[in-house]
């Protein structure tokens, strides 16, 4: 009997002896998790709701929660003031009834700061675009100038009628 076949046979025998125990432990773990999760609730998604309405919905489900202001960010430049922009855990996920929920909202000052960040980003983008266009224009002018200089050195002249080199 070859080594591979011998190890295969021993492996099958060991698996046959161990498999029922492993299967039983796996089943126990799955059943424990199902039992634990039977009381889970689906947390409502309150993003984009007014802070007061969002807290009322979360209170209705008896979740402990807090409202946390967000810091200025480009993503919030188009948000409405005093609305929920993010939540943890995410909405529409199943959670334990005693889960603590954080509702992140944007206030008016943060909205203004976010809009300023967006304007700055837009200005930087426009400036970068302008620099690129200036560089392209500069390359075209340089290329045109070099071509004209080569033409002069070779004593080539354009025929005005046909627009061809003579």
N, C-alpha and C. Protein backbone atom coordinates (compact mmCIF):
# COMPACT_ATOMS: atom_id res chain seq x y z
N UNK A 1 0.86 -1.17 0.00
CA UNK A 1 0.00 0.00 0.00
C UNK A 1 0.91 1.24 0.00
N UNK A 2 0.61 2.21 -0.89
CA UNK A 2 1.41 3.42 -0.97
C UNK A 2 1.12 4.35 0.18
N UNK A 3 2.07 5.29 0.37
CA UNK A 3 1.92 6.24 1.48
C UNK A 3 0.64 7.06 1.36
N UNK A 4 0.37 7.54 0.15
CA UNK A 4 -0.81 8.38 -0.05
C UNK A 4 -2.09 7.61 0.27
N UNK A 5 -2.15 6.37 -0.19
CA UNK A 5 -3.33 5.56 0.05
C UNK A 5 -3.47 5.25 1.54
N UNK A 6 -2.36 4.98 2.19
CA UNK A 6 -2.35 4.69 3.63
C UNK A 6 -2.86 5.89 4.42
N UNK A 7 -2.30 7.10 4.09
CA UNK A 7 -2.74 8.31 4.79
C UNK A 7 -4.21 8.61 4.50
N UNK A 8 -4.64 8.33 3.27
CA UNK A 8 -6.05 8.54 2.92
C UNK A 8 -6.96 7.64 3.74
N UNK A 9 -6.58 6.39 3.89
CA UNK A 9 -7.37 5.42 4.67
C UNK A 9 -7.40 5.82 6.15
N UNK A 10 -6.25 6.19 6.68
CA UNK A 10 -6.18 6.60 8.10
C UNK A 10 -7.01 7.88 8.29
N UNK A 11 -6.92 8.80 7.34
CA UNK A 11 -7.68 10.04 7.42
C UNK A 11 -9.18 9.78 7.43
N UNK A 12 -9.64 8.87 6.55
CA UNK A 12 -11.06 8.54 6.50
C UNK A 12 -11.52 7.90 7.81
N UNK A 13 -10.70 7.05 8.38
CA UNK A 13 -11.05 6.40 9.65
C UNK A 13 -11.14 7.44 10.76
N UNK A 14 -10.16 8.35 10.80
CA UNK A 14 -10.15 9.38 11.83
C UNK A 14 -11.35 10.30 11.67
N UNK A 15 -11.64 10.65 10.40
CA UNK A 15 -12.78 11.53 10.14
C UNK A 15 -14.08 10.86 10.55
N UNK A 16 -14.19 9.56 10.29
CA UNK A 16 -15.38 8.82 10.68
C UNK A 16 -15.57 8.81 12.18
N UNK A 17 -14.47 8.77 12.93
CA UNK A 17 -14.54 8.74 14.39
C UNK A 17 -14.81 10.14 14.95
N UNK A 18 -14.24 11.17 14.32
CA UNK A 18 -14.33 12.53 14.83
C UNK A 18 -15.57 13.26 14.29
N UNK A 19 -16.00 12.93 13.09
CA UNK A 19 -17.08 13.65 12.41
C UNK A 19 -18.35 13.76 13.25
N UNK A 20 -18.84 12.70 13.89
CA UNK A 20 -20.07 12.86 14.68
C UNK A 20 -19.92 13.89 15.80
N UNK A 21 -18.75 13.92 16.45
CA UNK A 21 -18.53 14.90 17.52
C UNK A 21 -18.49 16.32 16.95
N UNK A 22 -17.79 16.48 15.83
CA UNK A 22 -17.69 17.80 15.19
C UNK A 22 -19.07 18.25 14.73
N UNK A 23 -19.81 17.35 14.12
CA UNK A 23 -21.16 17.67 13.65
C UNK A 23 -22.07 18.05 14.82
N UNK A 24 -21.96 17.33 15.89
CA UNK A 24 -22.78 17.62 17.07
C UNK A 24 -22.43 18.99 17.66
N UNK A 25 -21.14 19.31 17.74
CA UNK A 25 -20.72 20.62 18.27
C UNK A 25 -21.17 21.74 17.34
N UNK A 26 -21.06 21.52 16.03
CA UNK A 26 -21.50 22.53 15.06
C UNK A 26 -22.98 22.78 15.17
N UNK A 27 -23.76 21.73 15.31
CA UNK A 27 -25.21 21.85 15.46
C UNK A 27 -25.56 22.61 16.73
N UNK A 28 -24.84 22.32 17.81
CA UNK A 28 -25.08 23.00 19.08
C UNK A 28 -24.81 24.51 18.95
N UNK A 29 -23.71 24.87 18.27
CA UNK A 29 -23.37 26.29 18.09
C UNK A 29 -24.45 26.99 17.27
N UNK A 30 -24.88 26.37 16.18
CA UNK A 30 -25.91 26.96 15.33
C UNK A 30 -27.20 27.14 16.12
N UNK A 31 -27.60 26.13 16.86
CA UNK A 31 -28.83 26.22 17.64
C UNK A 31 -28.74 27.30 18.72
N UNK A 32 -27.57 27.42 19.36
CA UNK A 32 -27.39 28.48 20.37
C UNK A 32 -27.53 29.86 19.74
N UNK A 33 -26.95 30.03 18.56
CA UNK A 33 -27.05 31.32 17.87
C UNK A 33 -28.50 31.62 17.46
N UNK A 34 -29.19 30.62 16.96
CA UNK A 34 -30.60 30.82 16.59
C UNK A 34 -31.44 31.18 17.81
N UNK A 35 -31.19 30.51 18.91
CA UNK A 35 -31.92 30.80 20.15
C UNK A 35 -31.62 32.23 20.62
N UNK A 36 -30.36 32.61 20.53
CA UNK A 36 -29.95 33.94 20.95
C UNK A 36 -30.60 35.02 20.07
N UNK A 37 -30.72 34.75 18.78
CA UNK A 37 -31.20 35.76 17.84
C UNK A 37 -32.73 35.76 17.65
N UNK A 38 -33.43 34.90 18.34
CA UNK A 38 -34.88 34.85 18.12
C UNK A 38 -35.57 36.13 18.58
N UNK A 39 -34.97 36.85 19.52
CA UNK A 39 -35.57 38.08 20.01
C UNK A 39 -35.03 39.33 19.31
N UNK A 40 -34.19 39.14 18.31
CA UNK A 40 -33.61 40.29 17.62
C UNK A 40 -34.70 41.09 16.90
N UNK A 41 -34.44 42.39 16.81
CA UNK A 41 -35.35 43.30 16.13
C UNK A 41 -34.64 43.92 14.94
N UNK A 42 -35.41 44.24 13.92
CA UNK A 42 -34.85 44.94 12.77
C UNK A 42 -34.90 46.42 13.10
N UNK A 43 -33.72 47.05 13.13
CA UNK A 43 -33.64 48.46 13.47
C UNK A 43 -34.10 49.29 12.27
N UNK A 44 -35.00 50.23 12.47
CA UNK A 44 -35.49 51.02 11.34
C UNK A 44 -34.42 51.97 10.82
N UNK A 45 -34.43 52.19 9.52
CA UNK A 45 -33.50 53.13 8.90
C UNK A 45 -34.10 54.53 9.01
N UNK A 46 -33.48 55.38 9.81
CA UNK A 46 -34.00 56.73 10.03
C UNK A 46 -33.13 57.80 9.39
N UNK A 47 -32.20 57.37 8.52
CA UNK A 47 -31.38 58.36 7.83
C UNK A 47 -32.28 59.27 7.01
N UNK A 48 -31.88 60.52 6.91
CA UNK A 48 -32.56 61.57 6.17
C UNK A 48 -33.83 62.07 6.86
N UNK A 49 -34.13 61.54 8.03
CA UNK A 49 -35.27 62.05 8.80
C UNK A 49 -34.80 63.19 9.71
N UNK A 50 -35.72 64.04 10.06
CA UNK A 50 -35.46 65.09 11.04
C UNK A 50 -35.06 64.44 12.36
N UNK A 51 -34.21 65.09 13.13
CA UNK A 51 -33.70 64.50 14.37
C UNK A 51 -34.85 64.12 15.31
N UNK A 52 -35.83 64.99 15.45
CA UNK A 52 -36.95 64.69 16.36
C UNK A 52 -37.75 63.48 15.90
N UNK A 53 -38.03 63.40 14.60
CA UNK A 53 -38.79 62.27 14.08
C UNK A 53 -37.98 60.98 14.21
N UNK A 54 -36.70 61.07 13.94
CA UNK A 54 -35.84 59.88 14.04
C UNK A 54 -35.79 59.36 15.47
N UNK A 55 -35.61 60.26 16.43
CA UNK A 55 -35.56 59.81 17.82
C UNK A 55 -36.91 59.23 18.26
N UNK A 56 -38.00 59.78 17.75
CA UNK A 56 -39.32 59.24 18.08
C UNK A 56 -39.46 57.80 17.56
N UNK A 57 -38.97 57.56 16.35
CA UNK A 57 -39.05 56.21 15.78
C UNK A 57 -38.19 55.25 16.59
N UNK A 58 -36.98 55.66 16.93
CA UNK A 58 -36.08 54.79 17.70
C UNK A 58 -36.66 54.54 19.09
N UNK A 59 -37.25 55.58 19.71
CA UNK A 59 -37.90 55.41 21.01
C UNK A 59 -39.05 54.41 20.93
N UNK A 60 -39.77 54.42 19.83
CA UNK A 60 -40.91 53.52 19.64
C UNK A 60 -40.46 52.06 19.72
N UNK A 61 -39.24 51.78 19.29
CA UNK A 61 -38.69 50.42 19.34
C UNK A 61 -37.93 50.16 20.64
N UNK A 62 -37.93 51.12 21.54
CA UNK A 62 -37.29 51.01 22.86
C UNK A 62 -35.78 50.79 22.81
N UNK A 63 -35.12 51.34 21.79
CA UNK A 63 -33.67 51.28 21.73
C UNK A 63 -33.08 52.44 22.53
N UNK A 64 -32.01 52.16 23.26
CA UNK A 64 -31.25 53.25 23.88
C UNK A 64 -30.48 53.93 22.75
N UNK A 65 -30.39 55.26 22.80
CA UNK A 65 -29.74 55.96 21.69
C UNK A 65 -29.18 57.30 22.14
N UNK A 66 -28.34 57.85 21.27
CA UNK A 66 -27.85 59.21 21.48
C UNK A 66 -27.71 59.87 20.12
N UNK A 67 -27.79 61.20 20.14
CA UNK A 67 -27.62 61.97 18.91
C UNK A 67 -26.21 62.56 18.95
N UNK A 68 -25.47 62.38 17.88
CA UNK A 68 -24.09 62.82 17.81
C UNK A 68 -23.92 63.73 16.60
N UNK A 69 -23.42 64.95 16.82
CA UNK A 69 -23.20 65.83 15.65
C UNK A 69 -22.00 65.34 14.84
N UNK A 70 -22.09 65.47 13.53
CA UNK A 70 -20.98 65.07 12.66
C UNK A 70 -20.04 66.26 12.43
N UNK A 71 -18.84 65.95 11.99
CA UNK A 71 -17.88 66.98 11.63
C UNK A 71 -18.10 67.35 10.16
N UNK A 72 -17.69 68.54 9.79
CA UNK A 72 -17.84 69.00 8.42
C UNK A 72 -17.14 68.05 7.46
N UNK A 73 -17.80 67.76 6.34
CA UNK A 73 -17.26 66.85 5.34
C UNK A 73 -17.91 67.16 4.00
N UNK A 74 -17.18 66.91 2.94
CA UNK A 74 -17.71 67.15 1.59
C UNK A 74 -19.02 66.40 1.35
N UNK A 75 -19.14 65.21 1.91
CA UNK A 75 -20.33 64.39 1.69
C UNK A 75 -21.61 65.03 2.23
N UNK A 76 -21.46 65.93 3.17
CA UNK A 76 -22.63 66.51 3.82
C UNK A 76 -23.01 67.87 3.24
N UNK A 77 -22.37 68.31 2.17
CA UNK A 77 -22.62 69.64 1.62
C UNK A 77 -24.05 69.81 1.10
N UNK A 78 -24.69 68.72 0.69
CA UNK A 78 -26.05 68.80 0.15
C UNK A 78 -27.11 68.33 1.15
N UNK A 79 -26.70 68.06 2.37
CA UNK A 79 -27.65 67.57 3.38
C UNK A 79 -28.55 68.70 3.87
N UNK A 80 -29.63 68.30 4.47
CA UNK A 80 -30.53 69.27 5.10
C UNK A 80 -30.11 69.42 6.56
N UNK A 81 -30.20 70.64 7.10
CA UNK A 81 -29.81 70.82 8.51
C UNK A 81 -30.74 70.05 9.45
N UNK A 82 -30.19 69.61 10.57
CA UNK A 82 -30.92 68.88 11.61
C UNK A 82 -31.55 67.59 11.11
N UNK A 83 -30.83 66.90 10.22
CA UNK A 83 -31.29 65.59 9.76
C UNK A 83 -30.24 64.54 10.10
N UNK A 84 -30.70 63.32 10.19
CA UNK A 84 -29.80 62.20 10.45
C UNK A 84 -29.09 61.86 9.14
N UNK A 85 -27.75 61.84 9.18
CA UNK A 85 -26.98 61.54 7.97
C UNK A 85 -26.30 60.17 8.05
N UNK A 86 -26.27 59.59 9.24
CA UNK A 86 -25.60 58.30 9.42
C UNK A 86 -26.11 57.69 10.71
N UNK A 87 -26.09 56.38 10.78
CA UNK A 87 -26.48 55.72 12.03
C UNK A 87 -25.67 54.44 12.22
N UNK A 88 -25.44 54.12 13.50
CA UNK A 88 -24.74 52.89 13.86
C UNK A 88 -25.54 52.20 14.94
N UNK A 89 -25.86 50.95 14.79
CA UNK A 89 -25.67 50.13 13.61
C UNK A 89 -26.53 50.63 12.45
N UNK A 90 -26.21 50.17 11.26
CA UNK A 90 -26.92 50.61 10.07
C UNK A 90 -28.39 50.20 10.15
N UNK A 91 -29.21 50.99 9.49
CA UNK A 91 -30.64 50.71 9.46
C UNK A 91 -30.95 49.41 8.73
N UNK A 92 -32.08 48.84 9.06
CA UNK A 92 -32.59 47.60 8.47
C UNK A 92 -31.72 46.38 8.76
N UNK A 93 -30.96 46.42 9.86
CA UNK A 93 -30.21 45.23 10.27
C UNK A 93 -30.86 44.69 11.54
N UNK A 94 -30.73 43.41 11.76
CA UNK A 94 -31.29 42.79 12.95
C UNK A 94 -30.30 42.91 14.09
N UNK A 95 -30.79 43.42 15.23
CA UNK A 95 -29.93 43.64 16.39
C UNK A 95 -30.65 43.19 17.66
N UNK A 96 -29.86 43.01 18.70
CA UNK A 96 -30.42 42.65 20.00
C UNK A 96 -31.24 43.83 20.53
N UNK A 97 -32.27 43.55 21.31
CA UNK A 97 -33.12 44.63 21.82
C UNK A 97 -32.38 45.63 22.70
N UNK A 98 -31.28 45.24 23.31
CA UNK A 98 -30.55 46.15 24.18
C UNK A 98 -29.41 46.88 23.45
N UNK A 99 -29.41 46.86 22.13
CA UNK A 99 -28.38 47.51 21.33
C UNK A 99 -28.47 49.03 21.48
N UNK A 100 -27.32 49.67 21.62
CA UNK A 100 -27.26 51.13 21.72
C UNK A 100 -27.10 51.68 20.31
N UNK A 101 -27.92 52.66 19.97
CA UNK A 101 -27.94 53.23 18.62
C UNK A 101 -27.39 54.65 18.65
N UNK A 102 -26.47 54.93 17.74
CA UNK A 102 -25.94 56.29 17.59
C UNK A 102 -26.53 56.90 16.34
N UNK A 103 -27.15 58.06 16.50
CA UNK A 103 -27.73 58.79 15.39
C UNK A 103 -26.87 60.01 15.12
N UNK A 104 -26.22 60.03 13.97
CA UNK A 104 -25.34 61.14 13.61
C UNK A 104 -26.14 62.14 12.80
N UNK A 105 -26.12 63.39 13.26
CA UNK A 105 -26.90 64.43 12.57
C UNK A 105 -26.00 65.60 12.20
N UNK A 106 -26.50 66.41 11.28
CA UNK A 106 -25.77 67.59 10.83
C UNK A 106 -26.52 68.83 11.31
N UNK A 107 -25.79 69.72 11.97
CA UNK A 107 -26.42 70.98 12.39
C UNK A 107 -26.12 72.06 11.34
N UNK A 108 -26.69 73.24 11.54
CA UNK A 108 -26.57 74.30 10.52
C UNK A 108 -25.13 74.76 10.32
N UNK A 109 -24.36 74.91 11.40
CA UNK A 109 -22.98 75.37 11.26
C UNK A 109 -22.13 74.34 10.53
N UNK A 110 -22.34 73.08 10.83
CA UNK A 110 -21.59 72.02 10.16
C UNK A 110 -21.97 71.97 8.68
N UNK A 111 -23.24 72.23 8.38
CA UNK A 111 -23.68 72.28 6.99
C UNK A 111 -22.96 73.40 6.24
N UNK A 112 -22.87 74.57 6.87
CA UNK A 112 -22.17 75.71 6.25
C UNK A 112 -20.70 75.37 6.04
N UNK A 113 -20.07 74.78 7.05
CA UNK A 113 -18.67 74.40 6.93
C UNK A 113 -18.47 73.35 5.83
N UNK A 114 -19.40 72.41 5.72
CA UNK A 114 -19.33 71.38 4.68
C UNK A 114 -19.47 72.00 3.29
N UNK A 115 -20.36 72.98 3.17
CA UNK A 115 -20.54 73.65 1.89
C UNK A 115 -19.28 74.44 1.51
N UNK A 116 -18.63 75.05 2.51
CA UNK A 116 -17.37 75.76 2.24
C UNK A 116 -16.29 74.78 1.78
N UNK A 117 -16.23 73.62 2.41
CA UNK A 117 -15.27 72.59 1.97
C UNK A 117 -15.54 72.17 0.53
N UNK A 118 -16.82 72.04 0.19
CA UNK A 118 -17.18 71.65 -1.18
C UNK A 118 -16.79 72.75 -2.17
N UNK A 119 -17.00 74.01 -1.79
CA UNK A 119 -16.60 75.12 -2.67
C UNK A 119 -15.09 75.15 -2.86
N UNK A 120 -14.35 74.94 -1.78
CA UNK A 120 -12.89 74.90 -1.88
C UNK A 120 -12.43 73.77 -2.80
N UNK A 121 -13.05 72.62 -2.66
CA UNK A 121 -12.70 71.48 -3.50
C UNK A 121 -13.01 71.79 -4.97
N UNK A 122 -14.13 72.42 -5.21
CA UNK A 122 -14.51 72.79 -6.58
C UNK A 122 -13.54 73.82 -7.15
N UNK A 123 -13.11 74.76 -6.33
CA UNK A 123 -12.13 75.77 -6.77
C UNK A 123 -10.80 75.11 -7.11
N UNK A 124 -10.36 74.19 -6.26
CA UNK A 124 -9.11 73.48 -6.53
C UNK A 124 -9.21 72.69 -7.83
N UNK A 125 -10.35 72.07 -8.04
CA UNK A 125 -10.56 71.29 -9.25
C UNK A 125 -10.52 72.20 -10.49
N UNK A 126 -11.17 73.36 -10.40
CA UNK A 126 -11.18 74.31 -11.52
C UNK A 126 -9.77 74.85 -11.78
N UNK A 127 -9.02 75.14 -10.70
CA UNK A 127 -7.65 75.64 -10.84
C UNK A 127 -6.77 74.58 -11.50
N UNK A 128 -6.92 73.33 -11.09
CA UNK A 128 -6.14 72.25 -11.68
C UNK A 128 -6.47 72.10 -13.17
N UNK A 129 -7.75 72.22 -13.50
CA UNK A 129 -8.17 72.13 -14.89
C UNK A 129 -7.57 73.28 -15.71
N UNK A 130 -7.58 74.47 -15.13
CA UNK A 130 -7.02 75.64 -15.82
C UNK A 130 -5.52 75.47 -16.04
N UNK A 131 -4.82 74.96 -15.03
CA UNK A 131 -3.37 74.72 -15.16
C UNK A 131 -3.10 73.72 -16.28
N UNK A 132 -3.90 72.68 -16.35
CA UNK A 132 -3.74 71.67 -17.40
C UNK A 132 -3.95 72.30 -18.77
N UNK A 133 -5.00 73.11 -18.89
CA UNK A 133 -5.26 73.78 -20.16
C UNK A 133 -4.13 74.74 -20.53
N UNK A 134 -3.60 75.44 -19.54
CA UNK A 134 -2.47 76.35 -19.79
C UNK A 134 -1.24 75.58 -20.26
N UNK A 135 -0.99 74.42 -19.66
CA UNK A 135 0.14 73.60 -20.06
C UNK A 135 -0.03 73.11 -21.50
N UNK A 136 -1.23 72.69 -21.84
CA UNK A 136 -1.50 72.23 -23.21
C UNK A 136 -1.29 73.38 -24.18
N UNK A 137 -1.81 74.56 -23.84
CA UNK A 137 -1.66 75.74 -24.69
C UNK A 137 -0.17 76.08 -24.86
N UNK A 138 0.59 76.00 -23.77
CA UNK A 138 2.02 76.28 -23.82
C UNK A 138 2.76 75.29 -24.72
N UNK A 139 2.41 74.01 -24.63
CA UNK A 139 3.03 73.00 -25.48
C UNK A 139 2.71 73.26 -26.94
N UNK A 140 1.47 73.62 -27.23
CA UNK A 140 1.07 73.91 -28.61
C UNK A 140 1.82 75.13 -29.16
N UNK A 141 1.95 76.17 -28.34
CA UNK A 141 2.68 77.37 -28.77
C UNK A 141 4.16 77.04 -29.01
N UNK A 142 4.75 76.28 -28.12
CA UNK A 142 6.15 75.90 -28.25
C UNK A 142 6.35 75.07 -29.51
N UNK A 143 5.47 74.11 -29.74
CA UNK A 143 5.55 73.27 -30.92
C UNK A 143 5.42 74.11 -32.18
N UNK A 144 4.50 75.02 -32.19
CA UNK A 144 4.30 75.91 -33.33
C UNK A 144 5.53 76.78 -33.56
N UNK A 145 6.11 77.31 -32.50
CA UNK A 145 7.29 78.15 -32.59
C UNK A 145 8.49 77.36 -33.11
N UNK A 146 8.67 76.15 -32.62
CA UNK A 146 9.77 75.31 -33.07
C UNK A 146 9.60 74.98 -34.55
N UNK A 147 8.39 74.66 -34.95
CA UNK A 147 8.13 74.35 -36.36
C UNK A 147 8.45 75.55 -37.24
N UNK A 148 8.07 76.75 -36.81
CA UNK A 148 8.34 77.96 -37.58
C UNK A 148 9.85 78.20 -37.67
N UNK A 149 10.56 78.00 -36.58
CA UNK A 149 12.01 78.19 -36.58
C UNK A 149 12.71 77.19 -37.51
N UNK A 150 12.25 75.96 -37.52
CA UNK A 150 12.82 74.96 -38.41
C UNK A 150 12.57 75.36 -39.86
N UNK A 151 11.37 75.84 -40.13
CA UNK A 151 11.03 76.29 -41.49
C UNK A 151 11.93 77.44 -41.93
N UNK A 152 12.22 78.37 -41.02
CA UNK A 152 13.08 79.51 -41.36
C UNK A 152 14.51 79.03 -41.63
N UNK A 153 15.00 78.11 -40.80
CA UNK A 153 16.36 77.62 -40.96
C UNK A 153 16.53 76.84 -42.26
N UNK A 154 15.47 76.18 -42.70
CA UNK A 154 15.53 75.41 -43.94
C UNK A 154 15.12 76.25 -45.14
N UNK A 155 14.82 77.51 -44.89
CA UNK A 155 14.41 78.47 -45.92
C UNK A 155 13.15 78.02 -46.64
N UNK A 156 12.23 77.46 -45.88
CA UNK A 156 10.96 77.07 -46.46
C UNK A 156 9.98 78.22 -46.30
N UNK A 157 9.18 78.43 -47.33
CA UNK A 157 8.18 79.48 -47.28
C UNK A 157 6.84 78.86 -47.64
N UNK A 158 5.80 79.40 -47.07
CA UNK A 158 4.47 78.93 -47.41
C UNK A 158 3.98 79.66 -48.64
N UNK A 159 3.43 78.91 -49.56
CA UNK A 159 2.80 79.52 -50.71
C UNK A 159 1.43 79.99 -50.25
N UNK A 160 1.19 81.27 -50.33
CA UNK A 160 -0.03 81.84 -49.77
C UNK A 160 -1.27 81.33 -50.49
N UNK A 161 -1.17 81.02 -51.77
CA UNK A 161 -2.34 80.56 -52.53
C UNK A 161 -2.74 79.14 -52.15
N UNK A 162 -1.78 78.23 -52.14
CA UNK A 162 -2.09 76.82 -51.91
C UNK A 162 -1.88 76.38 -50.47
N UNK A 163 -1.26 77.26 -49.69
CA UNK A 163 -0.98 76.95 -48.28
C UNK A 163 -0.03 75.75 -48.17
N UNK A 164 0.86 75.58 -49.19
CA UNK A 164 1.82 74.49 -49.18
C UNK A 164 3.20 75.07 -48.97
N UNK A 165 4.12 74.21 -48.53
CA UNK A 165 5.51 74.62 -48.36
C UNK A 165 6.20 74.59 -49.72
N UNK A 166 7.02 75.63 -49.95
CA UNK A 166 7.76 75.69 -51.22
C UNK A 166 9.22 75.61 -50.94
